[in-house]
Amino acid sequence: MLDHSTEPRNRIPPEMPGGAERKPFGEAPHEAPPHGTASYGTAAELFAPLMAHFEELREYIAYYFAAQTDLVRAKVRKLVLYALLAVAGATALLTTLVVAVVMVLIGIAGGLGELIAHRPWAGSLVTGGVLLAVAFGTVRLVLPQWLLTSRRKIKEKYDRRRQTQRARFGHDVDEVRKN
């Protein structure tokens, strides 16, 4: 018959049979309890080694993620450094090209100034004027063609999308918009 008393019963005996003291679980794993007896311990004693292993595992996982985070940071730092070096190199190259062009133009202007009755200002004026005319002429010829090509490519892109819509759905966005 079941005992429904309100007093909790201590199911863990204070001593092992035979007068031996109870050892915490895991203290001596090589020793088995005597035959016919059970090894009892509190829940904390029973789960202490497991919790220690979980704590160790948690530390190893935290170590792994910290190492991975530092590795990513190092790679990002390296990429930023390479990007800065590339920008510095491109700037130096561009500066060198600009200086070379300026020197050529100064030489052309000086030579023209010598040809036009030893007047350096005239050579600079002619060189600058020709350079501006070439720049504006290039922009005037190339820009409209570039804009037409760009518009044509966009129109073709959306024409293809409408054809795909008609093939998949039996109608396209223009037909839906009209309805």
C-alpha atoms as a PDB file:
ATOM      1  CA  MET A   1       0.000   0.000   0.000  1.00  0.00           C
ATOM      2  CA  LEU A   2       1.186   3.541  -0.753  1.00  0.00           C
ATOM      3  CA  ASP A   3       2.293   5.799   2.034  1.00  0.00           C
ATOM      4  CA  HIS A   4       0.811   9.287   1.548  1.00  0.00           C
ATOM      5  CA  SER A   5       2.407  10.899   4.558  1.00  0.00           C
ATOM      6  CA  THR A   6       3.536  14.524   4.265  1.00  0.00           C
ATOM      7  CA  GLU A   7       7.004  13.837   5.631  1.00  0.00           C
ATOM      8  CA  PRO A   8       9.568  13.223   2.915  1.00  0.00           C
ATOM      9  CA  ARG A   9      11.526  10.080   3.318  1.00  0.00           C
ATOM     10  CA  ASN A  10      15.273  10.124   2.908  1.00  0.00           C
ATOM     11  CA  ARG A  11      15.944   7.440   0.333  1.00  0.00           C
ATOM     12  CA  ILE A  12      19.698   7.888   0.502  1.00  0.00           C
ATOM     13  CA  PRO A  13      21.134   5.976   3.443  1.00  0.00           C
ATOM     14  CA  PRO A  14      23.796   7.834   5.392  1.00  0.00           C
ATOM     15  CA  GLU A  15      26.110   4.839   5.334  1.00  0.00           C
ATOM     16  CA  MET A  16      26.788   1.967   3.060  1.00  0.00           C
ATOM     17  CA  PRO A  17      25.910  -1.494   4.404  1.00  0.00           C
ATOM     18  CA  GLY A  18      28.677  -2.941   6.460  1.00  0.00           C
ATOM     19  CA  GLY A  19      29.564   0.381   8.102  1.00  0.00           C
ATOM     20  CA  ALA A  20      31.538   1.790   5.122  1.00  0.00           C
ATOM     21  CA  GLU A  21      31.207   5.493   4.455  1.00  0.00           C
ATOM     22  CA  ARG A  22      29.684   6.730   1.258  1.00  0.00           C
ATOM     23  CA  LYS A  23      32.193   8.242  -1.255  1.00  0.00           C
ATOM     24  CA  PRO A  24      31.190  10.898  -3.728  1.00  0.00           C
ATOM     25  CA  PHE A  25      30.448   9.656  -7.201  1.00  0.00           C
ATOM     26  CA  GLY A  26      33.483   9.664  -9.423  1.00  0.00           C
ATOM     27  CA  GLU A  27      35.994   9.845  -6.601  1.00  0.00           C
ATOM     28  CA  ALA A  28      37.231   6.339  -7.177  1.00  0.00           C
ATOM     29  CA  PRO A  29      35.909   5.094 -10.542  1.00  0.00           C
ATOM     30  CA  HIS A  30      37.990   1.931 -10.402  1.00  0.00           C
ATOM     31  CA  GLU A  31      36.292   0.748  -7.238  1.00  0.00           C
ATOM     32  CA  ALA A  32      32.947  -0.890  -7.696  1.00  0.00           C
ATOM     33  CA  PRO A  33      30.510  -1.116  -4.808  1.00  0.00           C
ATOM     34  CA  PRO A  34      30.357  -4.508  -3.132  1.00  0.00           C
ATOM     35  CA  HIS A  35      28.079  -7.052  -4.787  1.00  0.00           C
ATOM     36  CA  GLY A  36      24.483  -6.586  -3.823  1.00  0.00           C
ATOM     37  CA  THR A  37      24.887  -2.995  -2.652  1.00  0.00           C
ATOM     38  CA  ALA A  38      24.042   0.188  -4.504  1.00  0.00           C
ATOM     39  CA  SER A  39      26.214   3.288  -4.695  1.00  0.00           C
ATOM     40  CA  TYR A  40      24.147   6.230  -3.581  1.00  0.00           C
ATOM     41  CA  GLY A  41      24.999   9.892  -3.760  1.00  0.00           C
ATOM     42  CA  THR A  42      23.282  13.212  -3.898  1.00  0.00           C
ATOM     43  CA  ALA A  43      22.290  14.667  -7.241  1.00  0.00           C
ATOM     44  CA  ALA A  44      25.085  17.216  -7.005  1.00  0.00           C
ATOM     45  CA  GLU A  45      27.590  14.410  -6.367  1.00  0.00           C
ATOM     46  CA  LEU A  46      26.241  12.386  -9.241  1.00  0.00           C
ATOM     47  CA  PHE A  47      26.315  15.243 -11.779  1.00  0.00           C
ATOM     48  CA  ALA A  48      29.530  16.959 -10.595  1.00  0.00           C
ATOM     49  CA  PRO A  49      31.833  15.175 -13.098  1.00  0.00           C
ATOM     50  CA  LEU A  50      29.344  15.723 -15.909  1.00  0.00           C
ATOM     51  CA  MET A  51      29.076  19.418 -15.071  1.00  0.00           C
ATOM     52  CA  ALA A  52      32.876  19.657 -14.947  1.00  0.00           C
ATOM     53  CA  HIS A  53      33.036  18.157 -18.439  1.00  0.00           C
ATOM     54  CA  PHE A  54      30.382  20.559 -19.682  1.00  0.00           C
ATOM     55  CA  GLU A  55      32.284  23.490 -18.179  1.00  0.00           C
ATOM     56  CA  GLU A  56      35.450  22.280 -19.900  1.00  0.00           C
ATOM     57  CA  LEU A  57      33.586  21.835 -23.188  1.00  0.00           C
ATOM     58  CA  ARG A  58      32.080  25.325 -22.866  1.00  0.00           C
ATOM     59  CA  GLU A  59      35.571  26.782 -22.344  1.00  0.00           C
ATOM     60  CA  TYR A  60      36.904  24.959 -25.415  1.00  0.00           C
ATOM     61  CA  ILE A  61      34.001  26.172 -27.533  1.00  0.00           C
ATOM     62  CA  ALA A  62      34.513  29.741 -26.319  1.00  0.00           C
ATOM     63  CA  TYR A  63      38.238  29.404 -27.078  1.00  0.00           C
ATOM     64  CA  TYR A  64      37.463  28.159 -30.600  1.00  0.00           C
ATOM     65  CA  PHE A  65      35.074  31.016 -31.366  1.00  0.00           C
ATOM     66  CA  ALA A  66      37.466  33.597 -29.929  1.00  0.00           C
ATOM     67  CA  ALA A  67      40.244  32.207 -32.132  1.00  0.00           C
ATOM     68  CA  GLN A  68      37.968  32.258 -35.199  1.00  0.00           C
ATOM     69  CA  THR A  69      36.923  35.849 -34.437  1.00  0.00           C
ATOM     70  CA  ASP A  70      40.548  36.920 -34.109  1.00  0.00           C
ATOM     71  CA  LEU A  71      41.364  35.131 -37.370  1.00  0.00           C
ATOM     72  CA  VAL A  72      38.596  37.000 -39.191  1.00  0.00           C
ATOM     73  CA  ARG A  73      39.756  40.294 -37.674  1.00  0.00           C
ATOM     74  CA  ALA A  74      43.321  39.602 -38.823  1.00  0.00           C
ATOM     75  CA  LYS A  75      42.113  38.827 -42.349  1.00  0.00           C
ATOM     76  CA  VAL A  76      40.008  42.007 -42.455  1.00  0.00           C
ATOM     77  CA  ARG A  77      42.954  44.024 -41.155  1.00  0.00           C
ATOM     78  CA  LYS A  78      45.147  42.496 -43.880  1.00  0.00           C
ATOM     79  CA  LEU A  79      42.563  43.287 -46.578  1.00  0.00           C
ATOM     80  CA  VAL A  80      42.271  46.887 -45.361  1.00  0.00           C
ATOM     81  CA  LEU A  81      46.051  47.220 -45.442  1.00  0.00           C
ATOM     82  CA  TYR A  82      46.205  45.862 -48.996  1.00  0.00           C
ATOM     83  CA  ALA A  83      43.374  48.168 -50.050  1.00  0.00           C
ATOM     84  CA  LEU A  84      45.204  51.171 -48.608  1.00  0.00           C
ATOM     85  CA  LEU A  85      48.406  50.121 -50.360  1.00  0.00           C
ATOM     86  CA  ALA A  86      46.503  49.726 -53.637  1.00  0.00           C
ATOM     87  CA  VAL A  87      44.950  53.192 -53.252  1.00  0.00           C
ATOM     88  CA  ALA A  88      48.361  54.691 -52.465  1.00  0.00           C
ATOM     89  CA  GLY A  89      49.913  52.919 -55.462  1.00  0.00           C
ATOM     90  CA  ALA A  90      47.099  54.005 -57.787  1.00  0.00           C
ATOM     91  CA  THR A  91      47.406  57.570 -56.523  1.00  0.00           C
ATOM     92  CA  ALA A  92      51.159  57.560 -57.132  1.00  0.00           C
ATOM     93  CA  LEU A  93      50.689  56.129 -60.622  1.00  0.00           C
ATOM     94  CA  LEU A  94      47.966  58.639 -61.475  1.00  0.00           C
ATOM     95  CA  THR A  95      50.069  61.498 -60.132  1.00  0.00           C
ATOM     96  CA  THR A  96      53.011  60.337 -62.224  1.00  0.00           C
ATOM     97  CA  LEU A  97      50.829  60.250 -65.358  1.00  0.00           C
ATOM     98  CA  VAL A  98      49.405  63.704 -64.649  1.00  0.00           C
ATOM     99  CA  VAL A  99      52.876  65.151 -64.118  1.00  0.00           C
ATOM    100  CA  ALA A 100      54.093  63.518 -67.338  1.00  0.00           C
ATOM    101  CA  VAL A 101      51.172  64.947 -69.326  1.00  0.00           C
ATOM    102  CA  VAL A 102      51.720  68.395 -67.804  1.00  0.00           C
ATOM    103  CA  MET A 103      55.416  68.276 -68.682  1.00  0.00           C
ATOM    104  CA  VAL A 104      54.618  67.275 -72.276  1.00  0.00           C
ATOM    105  CA  LEU A 105      52.076  70.071 -72.561  1.00  0.00           C
ATOM    106  CA  ILE A 106      54.517  72.594 -71.100  1.00  0.00           C
ATOM    107  CA  GLY A 107      57.111  71.418 -73.624  1.00  0.00           C
ATOM    108  CA  ILE A 108      54.621  71.750 -76.491  1.00  0.00           C
ATOM    109  CA  ALA A 109      53.604  75.205 -75.276  1.00  0.00           C
ATOM    110  CA  GLY A 110      57.251  76.307 -74.950  1.00  0.00           C
ATOM    111  CA  GLY A 111      58.089  75.018 -78.426  1.00  0.00           C
ATOM    112  CA  LEU A 112      55.095  76.793 -79.960  1.00  0.00           C
ATOM    113  CA  GLY A 113      56.041  79.972 -78.072  1.00  0.00           C
ATOM    114  CA  GLU A 114      59.505  79.860 -79.643  1.00  0.00           C
ATOM    115  CA  LEU A 115      57.970  79.353 -83.082  1.00  0.00           C
ATOM    116  CA  ILE A 116      55.546  82.276 -82.620  1.00  0.00           C
ATOM    117  CA  ALA A 117      58.155  85.058 -82.403  1.00  0.00           C
ATOM    118  CA  HIS A 118      59.523  84.077 -78.978  1.00  0.00           C
ATOM    119  CA  ARG A 119      56.223  84.627 -77.116  1.00  0.00           C
ATOM    120  CA  PRO A 120      55.728  81.879 -74.473  1.00  0.00           C
ATOM    121  CA  TRP A 121      52.222  83.080 -73.611  1.00  0.00           C
ATOM    122  CA  ALA A 122      51.109  82.484 -77.193  1.00  0.00           C
ATOM    123  CA  GLY A 123      52.394  78.907 -77.134  1.00  0.00           C
ATOM    124  CA  SER A 124      50.556  78.241 -73.830  1.00  0.00           C
ATOM    125  CA  LEU A 125      47.381  79.795 -75.237  1.00  0.00           C
ATOM    126  CA  VAL A 126      47.444  77.707 -78.400  1.00  0.00           C
ATOM    127  CA  THR A 127      48.299  74.475 -76.532  1.00  0.00           C
ATOM    128  CA  GLY A 128      45.548  75.027 -73.940  1.00  0.00           C
ATOM    129  CA  GLY A 129      42.997  75.934 -76.632  1.00  0.00           C
ATOM    130  CA  VAL A 130      43.759  72.842 -78.713  1.00  0.00           C
ATOM    131  CA  LEU A 131      43.612  70.620 -75.629  1.00  0.00           C
ATOM    132  CA  LEU A 132      40.200  72.055 -74.615  1.00  0.00           C
ATOM    133  CA  ALA A 133      38.866  71.689 -78.157  1.00  0.00           C
ATOM    134  CA  VAL A 134      39.935  68.035 -78.281  1.00  0.00           C
ATOM    135  CA  ALA A 135      38.354  67.348 -74.866  1.00  0.00           C
ATOM    136  CA  PHE A 136      35.037  69.031 -75.703  1.00  0.00           C
ATOM    137  CA  GLY A 137      34.948  67.446 -79.161  1.00  0.00           C
ATOM    138  CA  THR A 138      35.501  63.993 -77.683  1.00  0.00           C
ATOM    139  CA  VAL A 139      32.753  64.510 -75.125  1.00  0.00           C
ATOM    140  CA  ARG A 140      30.419  65.871 -77.795  1.00  0.00           C
ATOM    141  CA  LEU A 141      30.961  62.845 -80.055  1.00  0.00           C
ATOM    142  CA  VAL A 142      31.208  60.047 -77.477  1.00  0.00           C
ATOM    143  CA  LEU A 143      28.576  61.032 -74.879  1.00  0.00           C
ATOM    144  CA  PRO A 144      25.476  60.884 -77.129  1.00  0.00           C
ATOM    145  CA  GLN A 145      26.565  57.536 -78.554  1.00  0.00           C
ATOM    146  CA  TRP A 146      27.169  56.171 -75.072  1.00  0.00           C
ATOM    147  CA  LEU A 147      23.739  57.353 -73.876  1.00  0.00           C
ATOM    148  CA  LEU A 148      21.997  55.790 -76.896  1.00  0.00           C
ATOM    149  CA  THR A 149      23.746  52.477 -76.328  1.00  0.00           C
ATOM    150  CA  SER A 150      22.823  52.525 -72.651  1.00  0.00           C
ATOM    151  CA  ARG A 151      19.150  53.256 -73.367  1.00  0.00           C
ATOM    152  CA  ARG A 152      19.026  50.550 -76.038  1.00  0.00           C
ATOM    153  CA  LYS A 153      20.477  47.934 -73.666  1.00  0.00           C
ATOM    154  CA  ILE A 154      17.948  48.827 -70.953  1.00  0.00           C
ATOM    155  CA  LYS A 155      15.060  48.672 -73.440  1.00  0.00           C
ATOM    156  CA  GLU A 156      16.229  45.261 -74.686  1.00  0.00           C
ATOM    157  CA  LYS A 157      16.498  43.991 -71.112  1.00  0.00           C
ATOM    158  CA  TYR A 158      12.894  44.891 -70.294  1.00  0.00           C
ATOM    159  CA  ASP A 159      11.638  43.616 -73.665  1.00  0.00           C
ATOM    160  CA  ARG A 160      13.189  40.223 -72.851  1.00  0.00           C
ATOM    161  CA  ARG A 161      11.576  40.250 -69.389  1.00  0.00           C
ATOM    162  CA  ARG A 162       8.154  40.988 -70.895  1.00  0.00           C
ATOM    163  CA  GLN A 163       8.631  38.124 -73.403  1.00  0.00           C
ATOM    164  CA  THR A 164       9.509  35.800 -70.530  1.00  0.00           C
ATOM    165  CA  GLN A 165       6.414  36.960 -68.626  1.00  0.00           C
ATOM    166  CA  ARG A 166       4.194  36.272 -71.649  1.00  0.00           C
ATOM    167  CA  ALA A 167       5.734  32.815 -72.045  1.00  0.00           C
ATOM    168  CA  ARG A 168       5.350  31.916 -68.362  1.00  0.00           C
ATOM    169  CA  PHE A 169       2.051  33.613 -67.455  1.00  0.00           C
ATOM    170  CA  GLY A 170       0.270  34.220 -70.785  1.00  0.00           C
ATOM    171  CA  HIS A 171       0.437  38.000 -70.318  1.00  0.00           C
ATOM    172  CA  ASP A 172       3.005  40.631 -69.354  1.00  0.00           C
ATOM    173  CA  VAL A 173       3.200  43.597 -67.004  1.00  0.00           C
ATOM    174  CA  ASP A 174       1.957  46.047 -69.678  1.00  0.00           C
ATOM    175  CA  GLU A 175      -1.246  44.038 -70.223  1.00  0.00           C
ATOM    176  CA  VAL A 176      -1.868  43.805 -66.472  1.00  0.00           C
ATOM    177  CA  ARG A 177      -1.266  47.544 -66.076  1.00  0.00           C
ATOM    178  CA  LYS A 178      -3.796  48.365 -68.819  1.00  0.00           C
ATOM    179  CA  ASN A 179      -6.538  46.243 -67.176  1.00  0.00           C
END
